[in-house]
Amino acid sequence: MNAMRKPRIGLALGSGSARGWAHVGVIRALEQAGLRPDLVCGTSVGALVGAAYASGELDRFEQWLLSLRWKDVVAFMDISFNGGMLKGERLMEFLRRNFSDRPVESLPLPFGAVATALRSGAEVWLREGSTVDAVRASIALPAVFPPVLRDSRLLVDGGLVNPVPVSLARAMGADLVIAVDLSADVLGHHIRDDDMTPAAGGWWRRMQDSLGAIMPGQGGEGPRMPSMFDVIASSINVMQVRIARSRLAGEPPDAMVSPRLADLGLFDFHRAEEAIAEGRRATEAALPALRDLIERGF
């Protein structure tokens, strides 16, 4: 590449449920270092944060994240048994009411989201139409949120095929891709030895206890199996780590940021402050190598 031309920096934000709030800290640290991305793309929660950034509304979005408490997270949980445990409509309606929903192609910063076609398994890049609808498709985590019908296709979470969308960032014209992988330290975290003991707590555990009264083998005394959400979370982690490793081996980014947030559970969205701080820390640790890369013309 011509060393006289400023590289076009692309930011690829990975999937990771509540760990995704770390993306805000990554963006803050990059901008503070004078490395403002020229385009952004994301998968799942990465698409949500990326959309807020591309829309120019990251400040308001961050304020909202920091105001979230556990009761607020619970309030967004519209229980459903049709396609997923949650409808996701309360969250989407909130976003539409409180943040601008412009067409993707008219956002101030080029943006793209990744989803998965449920029937064919094809990777789908969402680069036009409603930004909120693109995000809704990208975050449609199987068993949690129902699929989204778009252009006659049922779409689910993009993390099934591309958890860290380096390929999309390059397709959008990035010369240098900074990728954020949220799954570097999560394997095995949700299934721990204490999950098999009566002392394990949590509201999902209490739900299992209550089921013991009406369903044999559920709850009660003695060794316990991991909770339903522990199994879901760990299964998702295994899947996305394996897929991410494979995709990143074939499509490596120029720089990688890997926040370490294994302590955050699937729905710990109320812990934004520590996630954002870890995103900033991980980015600052990666800055010397990133600056050297740029100075050498990578």
Protein backbone atom coordinates (compact mmCIF):
# COMPACT_ATOMS: atom_id res chain seq x y z
CA MET A 1 0.00 0.00 0.00
CA ASN A 2 1.09 3.59 -0.65
CA ALA A 3 2.73 4.84 2.55
CA MET A 4 1.65 8.42 1.73
CA ARG A 5 -2.04 7.54 1.93
CA LYS A 6 -3.77 7.32 5.28
CA PRO A 7 -5.05 3.76 5.73
CA ARG A 8 -8.79 3.27 5.78
CA ILE A 9 -9.42 1.76 9.21
CA GLY A 10 -12.23 -0.75 9.66
CA LEU A 11 -13.54 -1.88 13.04
CA ALA A 12 -15.01 -5.38 13.28
CA LEU A 13 -17.03 -5.82 16.48
CA GLY A 14 -17.65 -9.39 17.60
CA SER A 15 -20.55 -11.21 19.21
CA GLY A 16 -20.69 -11.91 22.93
CA SER A 17 -24.03 -10.94 24.49
CA ALA A 18 -23.52 -8.75 27.61
CA ARG A 19 -19.76 -8.75 27.07
CA GLY A 20 -20.47 -6.61 24.03
CA TRP A 21 -20.64 -3.42 26.08
CA ALA A 22 -16.83 -3.67 26.07
CA HIS A 23 -17.00 -2.44 22.48
CA VAL A 24 -17.84 1.02 23.80
CA GLY A 25 -14.58 1.11 25.75
CA VAL A 26 -12.68 -0.09 22.67
CA ILE A 27 -14.07 2.75 20.56
CA ARG A 28 -13.38 5.33 23.27
CA ALA A 29 -9.75 4.22 23.61
CA LEU A 30 -9.17 4.22 19.85
CA GLU A 31 -10.58 7.71 19.43
CA GLN A 32 -8.61 9.02 22.40
CA ALA A 33 -5.48 7.68 20.68
CA GLY A 34 -6.42 9.51 17.47
CA LEU A 35 -7.41 6.33 15.62
CA ARG A 36 -10.96 7.02 14.51
CA PRO A 37 -12.34 4.14 12.40
CA ASP A 38 -13.51 4.97 8.87
CA LEU A 39 -16.11 2.20 8.90
CA VAL A 40 -17.62 -0.21 11.39
CA CYS A 41 -19.35 -3.56 11.16
CA GLY A 42 -20.60 -5.96 13.76
CA THR A 43 -22.13 -9.30 14.59
CA SER A 44 -24.90 -9.67 17.18
CA VAL A 45 -24.22 -7.29 20.10
CA GLY A 46 -21.33 -5.93 18.03
CA ALA A 47 -23.91 -4.84 15.45
CA LEU A 48 -25.92 -3.07 18.16
CA VAL A 49 -22.94 -1.08 19.46
CA GLY A 50 -21.64 -0.52 15.93
CA ALA A 51 -24.99 0.89 14.84
CA ALA A 52 -25.00 3.36 17.74
CA TYR A 53 -21.50 4.47 16.79
CA ALA A 54 -22.20 4.73 13.06
CA SER A 55 -25.33 6.75 13.83
CA GLY A 56 -23.35 9.30 15.84
CA GLU A 57 -25.28 8.40 19.00
CA LEU A 58 -22.64 6.57 21.01
CA ASP A 59 -22.67 9.19 23.80
CA ARG A 60 -26.38 8.75 24.46
CA PHE A 61 -26.10 5.01 24.05
CA GLU A 62 -23.31 4.80 26.62
CA GLN A 63 -25.29 6.92 29.09
CA TRP A 64 -28.20 4.50 28.70
CA LEU A 65 -25.94 1.48 29.23
CA LEU A 66 -24.48 2.94 32.41
CA SER A 67 -27.98 3.61 33.74
CA LEU A 68 -29.13 0.00 33.29
CA ARG A 69 -29.91 -1.94 36.43
CA TRP A 70 -30.93 -5.59 36.73
CA LYS A 71 -34.60 -4.64 37.06
CA ASP A 72 -34.33 -2.73 33.77
CA VAL A 73 -32.87 -5.79 32.04
CA VAL A 74 -35.73 -7.93 33.39
CA ALA A 75 -38.26 -5.35 32.14
CA PHE A 76 -37.03 -5.89 28.57
CA MET A 77 -37.63 -9.66 28.84
CA ASP A 78 -40.92 -10.21 27.00
CA ILE A 79 -41.33 -13.95 27.48
CA SER A 80 -42.34 -15.98 24.44
CA PHE A 81 -42.50 -19.65 23.49
CA ASN A 82 -42.72 -19.08 19.74
CA GLY A 83 -39.29 -19.29 18.12
CA GLY A 84 -37.39 -18.13 21.21
CA MET A 85 -37.73 -17.48 24.93
CA LEU A 86 -37.89 -13.71 24.40
CA LYS A 87 -39.70 -11.74 21.72
CA GLY A 88 -37.19 -8.88 21.74
CA GLU A 89 -39.88 -6.39 20.79
CA ARG A 90 -39.65 -4.34 23.99
CA LEU A 91 -35.97 -3.68 23.37
CA MET A 92 -36.50 -2.84 19.70
CA GLU A 93 -39.38 -0.48 20.46
CA PHE A 94 -37.25 1.23 23.09
CA LEU A 95 -34.45 1.72 20.58
CA ARG A 96 -36.84 3.09 17.96
CA ARG A 97 -38.32 5.56 20.46
CA ASN A 98 -35.04 6.78 21.89
CA PHE A 99 -32.56 6.56 19.01
CA SER A 100 -32.78 7.54 15.35
CA ASP A 101 -33.62 4.69 13.00
CA ARG A 102 -32.11 5.85 9.72
CA PRO A 103 -31.44 3.67 6.69
CA VAL A 104 -28.08 1.92 6.98
CA GLU A 105 -26.91 3.45 3.71
CA SER A 106 -27.46 7.01 5.01
CA LEU A 107 -25.59 6.70 8.33
CA PRO A 108 -22.72 9.17 8.91
CA LEU A 109 -20.25 6.26 9.16
CA PRO A 110 -20.37 3.23 6.82
CA PHE A 111 -21.94 0.33 8.71
CA GLY A 112 -22.76 -3.31 8.13
CA ALA A 113 -24.25 -6.12 10.22
CA VAL A 114 -23.97 -9.91 9.90
CA ALA A 115 -26.89 -12.32 10.16
CA THR A 116 -27.41 -15.98 9.25
CA ALA A 117 -30.04 -17.35 6.88
CA LEU A 118 -31.74 -20.02 8.98
CA ARG A 119 -32.76 -22.36 6.17
CA SER A 120 -29.59 -22.29 4.06
CA GLY A 121 -26.98 -21.39 6.68
CA ALA A 122 -25.70 -18.63 4.40
CA GLU A 123 -23.92 -15.60 5.82
CA VAL A 124 -25.97 -12.46 5.15
CA TRP A 125 -24.50 -8.94 5.12
CA LEU A 126 -27.03 -6.22 5.97
CA ARG A 127 -25.95 -2.97 4.35
CA GLU A 128 -29.24 -1.21 3.60
CA GLY A 129 -32.70 -0.61 5.00
CA SER A 130 -33.72 0.08 8.60
CA THR A 131 -30.75 0.13 10.97
CA VAL A 132 -32.85 -1.17 13.87
CA ASP A 133 -34.20 -4.02 11.72
CA ALA A 134 -30.64 -4.95 10.68
CA VAL A 135 -29.57 -5.04 14.33
CA ARG A 136 -32.64 -7.05 15.31
CA ALA A 137 -31.75 -9.72 12.74
CA SER A 138 -28.11 -9.81 13.78
CA ILE A 139 -28.93 -10.35 17.47
CA ALA A 140 -31.57 -13.06 16.94
CA LEU A 141 -29.77 -15.60 19.12
CA PRO A 142 -31.33 -19.05 18.62
CA ALA A 143 -33.47 -20.26 21.54
CA VAL A 144 -33.40 -16.75 23.01
CA PHE A 145 -34.87 -14.50 20.28
CA PRO A 146 -37.09 -15.65 17.42
CA PRO A 147 -35.85 -15.40 13.82
CA VAL A 148 -36.51 -12.26 11.78
CA LEU A 149 -38.21 -12.40 8.37
CA ARG A 150 -36.40 -10.11 5.92
CA ASP A 151 -36.56 -10.25 2.12
CA SER A 152 -38.36 -13.61 2.31
CA ARG A 153 -35.55 -15.11 4.43
CA LEU A 154 -35.62 -16.13 8.08
CA LEU A 155 -32.54 -14.59 9.71
CA VAL A 156 -30.88 -15.44 13.01
CA ASP A 157 -27.78 -14.33 14.91
CA GLY A 158 -24.72 -13.69 12.75
CA GLY A 159 -22.50 -15.32 15.36
CA LEU A 160 -23.51 -18.71 13.96
CA VAL A 161 -21.38 -18.10 10.87
CA ASN A 162 -19.09 -15.12 11.52
CA PRO A 163 -18.61 -14.12 15.18
CA VAL A 164 -15.88 -11.56 14.36
CA PRO A 165 -16.71 -10.06 10.93
CA VAL A 166 -13.25 -9.31 9.54
CA SER A 167 -14.35 -10.38 6.05
CA LEU A 168 -17.19 -7.83 6.01
CA ALA A 169 -14.86 -5.03 7.10
CA ARG A 170 -12.51 -5.85 4.21
CA ALA A 171 -15.42 -6.06 1.76
CA MET A 172 -16.49 -2.57 2.91
CA GLY A 173 -13.08 -1.23 1.88
CA ALA A 174 -10.93 -1.36 5.01
CA ASP A 175 -7.16 -1.30 4.45
CA LEU A 176 -6.49 -2.07 8.10
CA VAL A 177 -8.94 -4.10 10.18
CA ILE A 178 -9.05 -3.88 13.96
CA ALA A 179 -11.09 -6.81 15.28
CA VAL A 180 -12.61 -7.22 18.73
CA ASP A 181 -12.94 -10.83 19.93
CA LEU A 182 -15.06 -11.17 23.07
CA SER A 183 -14.64 -14.93 23.44
CA ALA A 184 -10.93 -15.23 24.21
CA ASP A 185 -11.37 -16.46 27.80
CA VAL A 186 -14.92 -17.79 28.07
CA LEU A 187 -14.69 -21.53 27.45
CA GLY A 188 -15.84 -23.57 30.44
CA HIS A 189 -16.61 -20.54 32.54
CA HIS A 190 -20.37 -21.08 32.92
CA ILE A 191 -20.03 -24.76 33.82
CA ARG A 192 -18.14 -24.87 37.12
CA ASP A 193 -17.70 -27.52 39.80
CA ASP A 194 -20.02 -25.62 42.14
CA ASP A 195 -22.81 -25.89 39.56
CA MET A 196 -23.09 -29.54 40.59
CA THR A 197 -23.61 -28.81 44.30
CA PRO A 198 -26.76 -27.83 46.23
CA ALA A 199 -25.09 -24.54 47.20
CA ALA A 200 -25.23 -23.12 43.70
CA GLY A 201 -27.61 -20.15 43.62
CA GLY A 202 -29.23 -17.75 41.20
CA TRP A 203 -32.79 -17.16 40.15
CA TRP A 204 -32.61 -19.78 37.38
CA ARG A 205 -31.50 -22.28 40.04
CA ARG A 206 -34.49 -21.33 42.21
CA MET A 207 -36.72 -21.89 39.19
CA GLN A 208 -35.31 -25.40 38.87
CA ASP A 209 -36.05 -25.97 42.56
CA SER A 210 -39.66 -24.93 42.07
CA LEU A 211 -40.00 -27.30 39.12
CA GLY A 212 -39.05 -30.15 41.44
CA ALA A 213 -42.47 -29.94 43.05
CA ILE A 214 -44.29 -30.75 39.80
CA MET A 215 -41.71 -32.50 37.60
CA PRO A 216 -39.71 -35.50 38.87
CA GLY A 217 -35.99 -35.11 38.45
CA GLN A 218 -36.05 -31.30 38.45
CA GLY A 219 -34.65 -29.41 41.43
CA GLY A 220 -34.71 -31.05 44.84
CA GLU A 221 -31.81 -32.31 46.89
CA GLY A 222 -28.58 -33.94 45.82
CA PRO A 223 -26.20 -33.26 42.94
CA ARG A 224 -27.63 -30.89 40.38
CA MET A 225 -27.19 -30.52 36.70
CA PRO A 226 -26.19 -27.07 35.42
CA SER A 227 -29.10 -24.67 34.97
CA MET A 228 -30.77 -24.32 31.59
CA PHE A 229 -29.13 -20.95 31.00
CA ASP A 230 -25.72 -22.26 32.07
CA VAL A 231 -26.03 -24.95 29.42
CA ILE A 232 -27.23 -22.48 26.77
CA ALA A 233 -24.49 -19.98 27.58
CA SER A 234 -21.74 -22.58 27.56
CA SER A 235 -23.02 -24.14 24.34
CA ILE A 236 -23.06 -20.75 22.64
CA ASN A 237 -19.56 -20.03 23.91
CA VAL A 238 -18.20 -23.33 22.57
CA MET A 239 -19.82 -22.79 19.20
CA GLN A 240 -18.69 -19.20 18.75
CA VAL A 241 -15.15 -19.79 20.00
CA ARG A 242 -14.68 -22.68 17.56
CA ILE A 243 -16.18 -20.77 14.64
CA ALA A 244 -14.26 -17.59 15.48
CA ARG A 245 -10.95 -19.44 15.65
CA SER A 246 -11.58 -21.04 12.28
CA ARG A 247 -12.69 -17.82 10.59
CA LEU A 248 -9.89 -15.72 12.08
CA ALA A 249 -7.29 -18.27 10.99
CA GLY A 250 -8.44 -17.93 7.39
CA GLU A 251 -9.28 -14.20 7.54
CA PRO A 252 -6.91 -12.69 10.11
CA PRO A 253 -7.33 -9.05 11.12
CA ASP A 254 -4.39 -6.67 11.14
CA ALA A 255 -4.85 -6.02 14.86
CA MET A 256 -6.82 -7.83 17.56
CA VAL A 257 -8.33 -6.55 20.79
CA SER A 258 -9.38 -9.28 23.24
CA PRO A 259 -11.14 -8.01 26.38
CA ARG A 260 -11.25 -10.56 29.19
CA LEU A 261 -14.79 -10.67 30.52
CA ALA A 262 -15.52 -14.32 31.26
CA ASP A 263 -17.11 -13.33 34.57
CA LEU A 264 -20.01 -11.68 32.75
CA GLY A 265 -23.00 -13.92 32.19
CA LEU A 266 -25.27 -14.08 29.16
CA PHE A 267 -27.69 -11.45 30.50
CA ASP A 268 -25.41 -9.33 32.71
CA PHE A 269 -26.25 -6.24 30.68
CA HIS A 270 -26.46 -4.22 33.90
CA ARG A 271 -22.67 -4.52 34.36
CA ALA A 272 -21.80 -2.06 31.61
CA GLU A 273 -19.32 -0.05 33.65
CA GLU A 274 -16.89 -2.93 34.14
CA ALA A 275 -17.34 -4.17 30.56
CA ILE A 276 -16.58 -0.73 29.12
CA ALA A 277 -13.56 -0.35 31.41
CA GLU A 278 -12.17 -3.71 30.30
CA GLY A 279 -12.69 -2.82 26.65
CA ARG A 280 -10.71 0.36 27.17
CA ARG A 281 -7.95 -1.50 29.06
CA ALA A 282 -7.58 -4.19 26.40
CA THR A 283 -7.41 -1.57 23.65
CA GLU A 284 -4.79 0.52 25.43
CA ALA A 285 -2.69 -2.64 25.81
CA ALA A 286 -2.92 -3.22 22.05
CA LEU A 287 -2.17 0.39 21.02
CA PRO A 288 1.67 0.20 20.86
CA ALA A 289 1.57 -2.70 18.38
CA LEU A 290 -1.21 -1.01 16.42
CA ARG A 291 0.68 2.28 16.12
CA ASP A 292 3.81 0.40 15.04
CA LEU A 293 1.77 -1.42 12.42
CA ILE A 294 0.48 1.85 10.98
CA GLU A 295 3.89 3.53 11.03
CA ARG A 296 5.42 0.60 9.12
CA GLY A 297 2.66 0.77 6.53
CA PHE A 298 1.56 -2.72 7.63
